Amino acid sequence: MVTSVLLLLLMSVSGRVVTRDINVFQAMEMRSVIAFFMLLPLVYREGGLRAMRTEILPRHIGRNLAHYLGQYAWLMALTMIPLAQVISIEFTAPIWAAFLAAFFLNERLTWRKGVVILFGLAGVAFIVRPGVAPLNPGHLIVLGAAVVFAISFIATKALTRRDSATKIIFWMLVVQSIVGLIPALKVWTWPSAATWPFIVLLAFSGSFAHFCMAKALSHADATVVMPMDYLRVPLSALIGYLLYAEAIDGFTAAGASLILVGNLFNLRRPNAGKIEPTPT
């Protein structure tokens, strides 16, 4: 999950660069197609294309339609509001995911997990400060993305009970390549030479972040794994400051501190509820 967090941070930086040069639909299509070929060595390690057959294809399609919608909204928000705000509002997603996991996956929502969620929610509120500053449409767009991402997280957790992480990412790339082809062709323009390295980085970081996340979810409850993703909030604030001169104010620092405390509290807890990992 730590590797997933680092890759998602790379994705946010590369995604901002890419979407300044080409349309979001095209960026998503190029990401899916390029990442498909990057994934092939893992596919053949597991037995090739035949081994990617699945008995739960409708669930893969549903999960990836939700994820495609959330990803589009997330990338669009990157072009509208500061990076730290995008990531902060996105971090309502693990909160929704924790509740959804309790209701739909029968995972226990213990008081310890509740404390982590409350610390995370308080940290996000400190950073975004709703009601203090006027809302940009980008705030609402990324909030919608957060809800859709929560659905995608829960669907991914359910898929790990039947399919390997490689198979989950294989179908993610196939489904999203098909869904996004026509929208991408309608807005297609050739990227500049300077943008291509960031397109490749976007494809690698975006897809293998989900591979790592799927592996993590196959070994632990969603309510244990997903709160670790809160680390992206303070790290994204630091990246925004260093790369884009986006100031870190006292509220952002306080919110980041609350999120870090919640994560440390979560990580101190022994993983008592071990489950059998899925085949990889």
Protein backbone atom coordinates (compact mmCIF):
# COMPACT_ATOMS: atom_id res chain seq x y z
CA MET A 1 0.00 0.00 0.00
CA VAL A 2 2.94 2.34 0.61
CA THR A 3 4.11 1.69 -2.96
CA SER A 4 0.59 2.41 -4.19
CA VAL A 5 0.62 5.77 -2.37
CA LEU A 6 3.95 6.77 -3.95
CA LEU A 7 2.77 5.78 -7.43
CA LEU A 8 -0.47 7.75 -7.01
CA LEU A 9 1.58 10.83 -6.14
CA LEU A 10 3.59 10.34 -9.34
CA MET A 11 0.31 9.98 -11.19
CA SER A 12 -0.98 13.30 -9.85
CA VAL A 13 2.16 15.14 -10.98
CA SER A 14 2.30 13.51 -14.42
CA GLY A 15 -1.47 13.85 -14.86
CA ARG A 16 -1.32 17.61 -14.30
CA VAL A 17 1.42 17.95 -16.95
CA VAL A 18 -0.34 15.72 -19.50
CA THR A 19 -3.78 17.34 -19.19
CA ARG A 20 -2.28 20.75 -19.90
CA ASP A 21 -1.35 19.48 -23.38
CA ILE A 22 -4.12 17.02 -24.31
CA ASN A 23 -7.77 16.42 -23.42
CA VAL A 24 -8.59 14.33 -20.33
CA PHE A 25 -10.38 11.67 -22.43
CA GLN A 26 -7.30 11.24 -24.62
CA ALA A 27 -4.99 11.12 -21.59
CA MET A 28 -7.07 8.33 -20.05
CA GLU A 29 -7.16 6.34 -23.29
CA MET A 30 -3.41 6.59 -23.86
CA ARG A 31 -2.81 5.62 -20.25
CA SER A 32 -4.94 2.47 -20.55
CA VAL A 33 -3.47 1.31 -23.88
CA ILE A 34 0.17 1.89 -22.91
CA ALA A 35 -0.31 0.32 -19.49
CA PHE A 36 -1.86 -2.78 -21.10
CA PHE A 37 1.43 -3.55 -22.82
CA MET A 38 3.34 -2.79 -19.60
CA LEU A 39 1.21 -5.39 -17.81
CA LEU A 40 1.80 -8.19 -20.34
CA PRO A 41 4.93 -9.62 -18.59
CA LEU A 42 2.84 -10.21 -15.45
CA VAL A 43 0.02 -11.65 -17.56
CA TYR A 44 2.34 -14.20 -19.17
CA ARG A 45 3.90 -14.99 -15.80
CA GLU A 46 0.44 -16.13 -14.68
CA GLY A 47 -0.17 -18.29 -17.77
CA GLY A 48 -0.93 -15.86 -20.58
CA LEU A 49 -4.20 -14.50 -21.94
CA ARG A 50 -6.03 -17.79 -21.32
CA ALA A 51 -5.34 -17.42 -17.61
CA MET A 52 -7.06 -14.01 -17.63
CA ARG A 53 -10.47 -15.58 -18.18
CA THR A 54 -12.87 -14.75 -15.38
CA GLU A 55 -16.22 -16.03 -14.21
CA ILE A 56 -17.22 -12.62 -12.83
CA LEU A 57 -16.78 -10.42 -15.90
CA PRO A 58 -19.94 -8.33 -15.20
CA ARG A 59 -18.45 -7.35 -11.83
CA HIS A 60 -15.22 -6.27 -13.51
CA ILE A 61 -17.18 -4.19 -16.01
CA GLY A 62 -19.24 -2.53 -13.28
CA ARG A 63 -16.18 -1.75 -11.18
CA ASN A 64 -14.33 -0.24 -14.11
CA LEU A 65 -17.23 1.87 -15.34
CA ALA A 66 -17.33 3.42 -11.88
CA HIS A 67 -13.57 3.86 -11.79
CA TYR A 68 -13.49 5.40 -15.28
CA LEU A 69 -16.04 8.02 -14.24
CA GLY A 70 -14.16 8.79 -11.02
CA GLN A 71 -10.82 8.97 -12.82
CA TYR A 72 -12.18 11.40 -15.40
CA ALA A 73 -13.55 13.68 -12.68
CA TRP A 74 -10.29 13.46 -10.71
CA LEU A 75 -8.10 14.42 -13.69
CA MET A 76 -10.49 17.22 -14.61
CA ALA A 77 -10.28 18.61 -11.06
CA LEU A 78 -6.46 18.62 -11.32
CA THR A 79 -6.80 21.31 -13.98
CA MET A 80 -9.13 23.47 -11.84
CA ILE A 81 -7.93 23.59 -8.21
CA PRO A 82 -4.61 23.20 -6.31
CA LEU A 83 -3.15 19.70 -5.98
CA ALA A 84 -3.44 19.59 -2.18
CA GLN A 85 -7.14 20.47 -2.37
CA VAL A 86 -7.81 17.76 -4.99
CA ILE A 87 -6.14 15.11 -2.85
CA SER A 88 -7.75 16.39 0.36
CA ILE A 89 -11.31 16.25 -0.95
CA GLU A 90 -10.58 12.90 -2.61
CA PHE A 91 -9.82 11.62 0.88
CA THR A 92 -13.43 11.48 1.78
CA ALA A 93 -13.36 8.31 -0.39
CA PRO A 94 -11.70 6.03 2.23
CA ILE A 95 -14.30 7.25 4.72
CA TRP A 96 -17.17 6.27 2.43
CA ALA A 97 -15.30 3.02 1.65
CA ALA A 98 -15.02 2.12 5.34
CA PHE A 99 -18.76 2.46 5.83
CA LEU A 100 -19.55 0.63 2.60
CA ALA A 101 -17.19 -2.20 3.59
CA ALA A 102 -18.99 -2.56 6.91
CA PHE A 103 -22.41 -2.76 5.25
CA PHE A 104 -21.66 -4.75 2.09
CA LEU A 105 -18.56 -6.84 2.94
CA ASN A 106 -19.44 -7.53 6.60
CA GLU A 107 -16.15 -6.08 7.81
CA ARG A 108 -16.12 -4.97 11.44
CA LEU A 109 -16.18 -1.21 11.98
CA THR A 110 -14.39 -1.22 15.35
CA TRP A 111 -13.83 1.79 17.58
CA ARG A 112 -10.16 1.87 16.54
CA LYS A 113 -11.09 2.09 12.87
CA GLY A 114 -13.68 4.70 13.79
CA VAL A 115 -10.99 6.84 15.43
CA VAL A 116 -8.85 6.64 12.26
CA ILE A 117 -11.83 7.72 10.14
CA LEU A 118 -12.63 10.64 12.47
CA PHE A 119 -9.02 11.84 12.49
CA GLY A 120 -8.95 11.65 8.71
CA LEU A 121 -12.26 13.48 8.33
CA ALA A 122 -11.17 16.20 10.74
CA GLY A 123 -7.87 16.59 8.90
CA VAL A 124 -9.61 16.96 5.55
CA ALA A 125 -12.02 19.53 7.03
CA PHE A 126 -9.07 21.59 8.35
CA ILE A 127 -7.44 21.62 4.91
CA VAL A 128 -10.53 22.32 2.80
CA ARG A 129 -12.29 24.58 5.37
CA PRO A 130 -15.79 24.33 3.87
CA GLY A 131 -17.83 27.49 4.32
CA VAL A 132 -14.77 29.69 4.86
CA ALA A 133 -13.66 30.00 1.23
CA PRO A 134 -15.94 29.96 -1.86
CA LEU A 135 -16.31 26.59 -3.57
CA ASN A 136 -14.82 26.18 -7.02
CA PRO A 137 -16.67 23.75 -9.38
CA GLY A 138 -13.50 21.67 -9.14
CA HIS A 139 -14.28 21.02 -5.47
CA LEU A 140 -17.67 19.55 -6.34
CA ILE A 141 -16.23 17.53 -9.23
CA VAL A 142 -13.58 15.87 -7.05
CA LEU A 143 -16.15 15.29 -4.29
CA GLY A 144 -18.24 13.32 -6.80
CA ALA A 145 -15.08 11.45 -7.81
CA ALA A 146 -14.50 10.53 -4.16
CA VAL A 147 -17.91 8.89 -3.84
CA VAL A 148 -17.38 6.93 -7.06
CA PHE A 149 -13.87 5.91 -5.95
CA ALA A 150 -15.35 4.52 -2.72
CA ILE A 151 -17.62 2.26 -4.77
CA SER A 152 -14.60 1.22 -6.84
CA PHE A 153 -12.56 0.42 -3.69
CA ILE A 154 -15.28 -1.87 -2.36
CA ALA A 155 -15.72 -3.53 -5.74
CA THR A 156 -11.95 -4.14 -5.90
CA LYS A 157 -11.98 -5.72 -2.45
CA ALA A 158 -14.81 -8.04 -3.56
CA LEU A 159 -12.93 -8.95 -6.76
CA THR A 160 -9.78 -9.93 -4.80
CA ARG A 161 -11.79 -12.79 -3.26
CA ARG A 162 -12.10 -14.44 -6.68
CA ASP A 163 -9.39 -13.06 -8.98
CA SER A 164 -5.71 -12.17 -8.71
CA ALA A 165 -4.41 -8.61 -8.72
CA THR A 166 -3.00 -9.10 -12.23
CA LYS A 167 -6.36 -10.25 -13.55
CA ILE A 168 -8.14 -7.29 -11.91
CA ILE A 169 -5.78 -4.78 -13.54
CA PHE A 170 -5.91 -6.65 -16.88
CA TRP A 171 -9.67 -6.22 -17.07
CA MET A 172 -9.43 -2.65 -15.82
CA LEU A 173 -7.22 -1.74 -18.76
CA VAL A 174 -9.27 -3.71 -21.31
CA VAL A 175 -12.64 -2.31 -20.20
CA GLN A 176 -11.43 1.28 -19.88
CA SER A 177 -9.64 1.15 -23.24
CA ILE A 178 -12.88 0.08 -24.93
CA VAL A 179 -15.09 2.55 -23.04
CA GLY A 180 -12.77 5.49 -23.67
CA LEU A 181 -11.89 4.88 -27.33
CA ILE A 182 -14.66 6.89 -29.01
CA PRO A 183 -14.51 9.88 -26.60
CA ALA A 184 -10.70 9.98 -27.07
CA LEU A 185 -10.88 9.88 -30.87
CA LYS A 186 -13.31 12.81 -30.91
CA VAL A 187 -10.80 15.09 -29.16
CA TRP A 188 -7.55 13.54 -30.42
CA THR A 189 -4.48 15.73 -30.97
CA TRP A 190 -0.89 14.52 -31.08
CA PRO A 191 0.98 15.28 -27.85
CA SER A 192 4.15 17.34 -27.96
CA ALA A 193 7.48 15.53 -27.64
CA ALA A 194 7.96 16.98 -24.15
CA THR A 195 4.67 15.46 -22.97
CA TRP A 196 5.37 11.85 -24.00
CA PRO A 197 7.60 10.94 -21.00
CA PHE A 198 4.83 12.12 -18.67
CA ILE A 199 2.24 10.09 -20.60
CA VAL A 200 4.36 6.96 -20.07
CA LEU A 201 4.80 7.85 -16.39
CA LEU A 202 1.02 8.41 -16.08
CA ALA A 203 0.35 4.99 -17.60
CA PHE A 204 2.84 3.19 -15.36
CA SER A 205 2.06 4.94 -12.08
CA GLY A 206 -1.72 4.96 -12.53
CA SER A 207 -2.06 1.28 -13.39
CA PHE A 208 0.53 -0.25 -11.08
CA ALA A 209 -0.74 1.84 -8.17
CA HIS A 210 -3.98 -0.10 -8.58
CA PHE A 211 -2.07 -3.37 -8.87
CA CYS A 212 -0.40 -2.67 -5.51
CA MET A 213 -3.71 -1.60 -4.00
CA ALA A 214 -5.41 -4.79 -5.16
CA LYS A 215 -2.56 -6.85 -3.67
CA ALA A 216 -2.89 -4.97 -0.37
CA LEU A 217 -6.66 -5.50 -0.29
CA SER A 218 -6.15 -9.23 -0.84
CA HIS A 219 -4.19 -9.41 2.43
CA ALA A 220 -6.14 -7.11 4.78
CA ASP A 221 -9.51 -5.49 5.42
CA ALA A 222 -10.38 -2.39 3.39
CA THR A 223 -10.86 -0.52 6.66
CA VAL A 224 -7.21 -1.24 7.57
CA VAL A 225 -5.60 -0.72 4.15
CA MET A 226 -7.45 2.32 2.83
CA PRO A 227 -6.74 4.73 5.77
CA MET A 228 -3.02 4.38 4.94
CA ASP A 229 -3.82 6.26 1.74
CA TYR A 230 -4.32 9.39 3.90
CA LEU A 231 -0.55 9.84 3.74
CA ARG A 232 -1.04 11.29 0.26
CA VAL A 233 -2.61 14.44 1.75
CA PRO A 234 0.47 15.86 3.52
CA LEU A 235 2.78 14.53 0.81
CA SER A 236 0.71 16.15 -1.96
CA ALA A 237 0.76 19.45 -0.03
CA LEU A 238 4.56 19.23 0.06
CA ILE A 239 4.72 18.44 -3.67
CA GLY A 240 2.38 21.34 -4.42
CA TYR A 241 4.66 23.66 -2.49
CA LEU A 242 7.90 22.43 -4.05
CA LEU A 243 6.74 22.09 -7.68
CA TYR A 244 3.91 24.60 -8.04
CA ALA A 245 4.59 27.18 -5.29
CA GLU A 246 1.21 26.37 -3.70
CA ALA A 247 1.52 27.72 -0.15
CA ILE A 248 1.04 25.44 2.86
CA ASP A 249 -0.89 27.43 5.48
CA GLY A 250 -1.44 26.64 9.16
CA PHE A 251 -4.77 24.91 8.50
CA THR A 252 -3.18 22.60 5.93
CA ALA A 253 -0.38 21.75 8.34
CA ALA A 254 -2.87 21.06 11.16
CA GLY A 255 -5.01 18.86 8.92
CA ALA A 256 -1.99 16.93 7.70
CA SER A 257 -0.92 16.36 11.31
CA LEU A 258 -4.32 14.94 12.25
CA ILE A 259 -4.21 12.59 9.29
CA LEU A 260 -0.71 11.39 10.18
CA VAL A 261 -1.72 10.78 13.80
CA GLY A 262 -4.70 8.72 12.67
CA ASN A 263 -2.54 6.62 10.37
CA LEU A 264 0.08 6.00 13.04
CA PHE A 265 -2.66 4.95 15.46
CA ASN A 266 -4.00 2.52 12.84
CA LEU A 267 -0.57 1.05 12.06
CA ARG A 268 0.20 0.39 15.75
CA ARG A 269 -2.72 -2.05 15.90
CA PRO A 270 -1.74 -5.71 15.29
CA ASN A 271 -3.54 -7.19 12.31
CA ALA A 272 -5.71 -9.54 14.28
CA GLY A 273 -8.16 -10.27 11.52
CA LYS A 274 -5.88 -12.09 9.10
CA ILE A 275 -7.51 -13.55 6.00
CA GLU A 276 -6.30 -15.96 3.37
CA PRO A 277 -4.61 -14.09 0.50
CA THR A 278 -5.94 -14.58 -3.01
CA PRO A 279 -3.76 -16.34 -5.60
CA THR A 280 -1.15 -14.09 -7.23
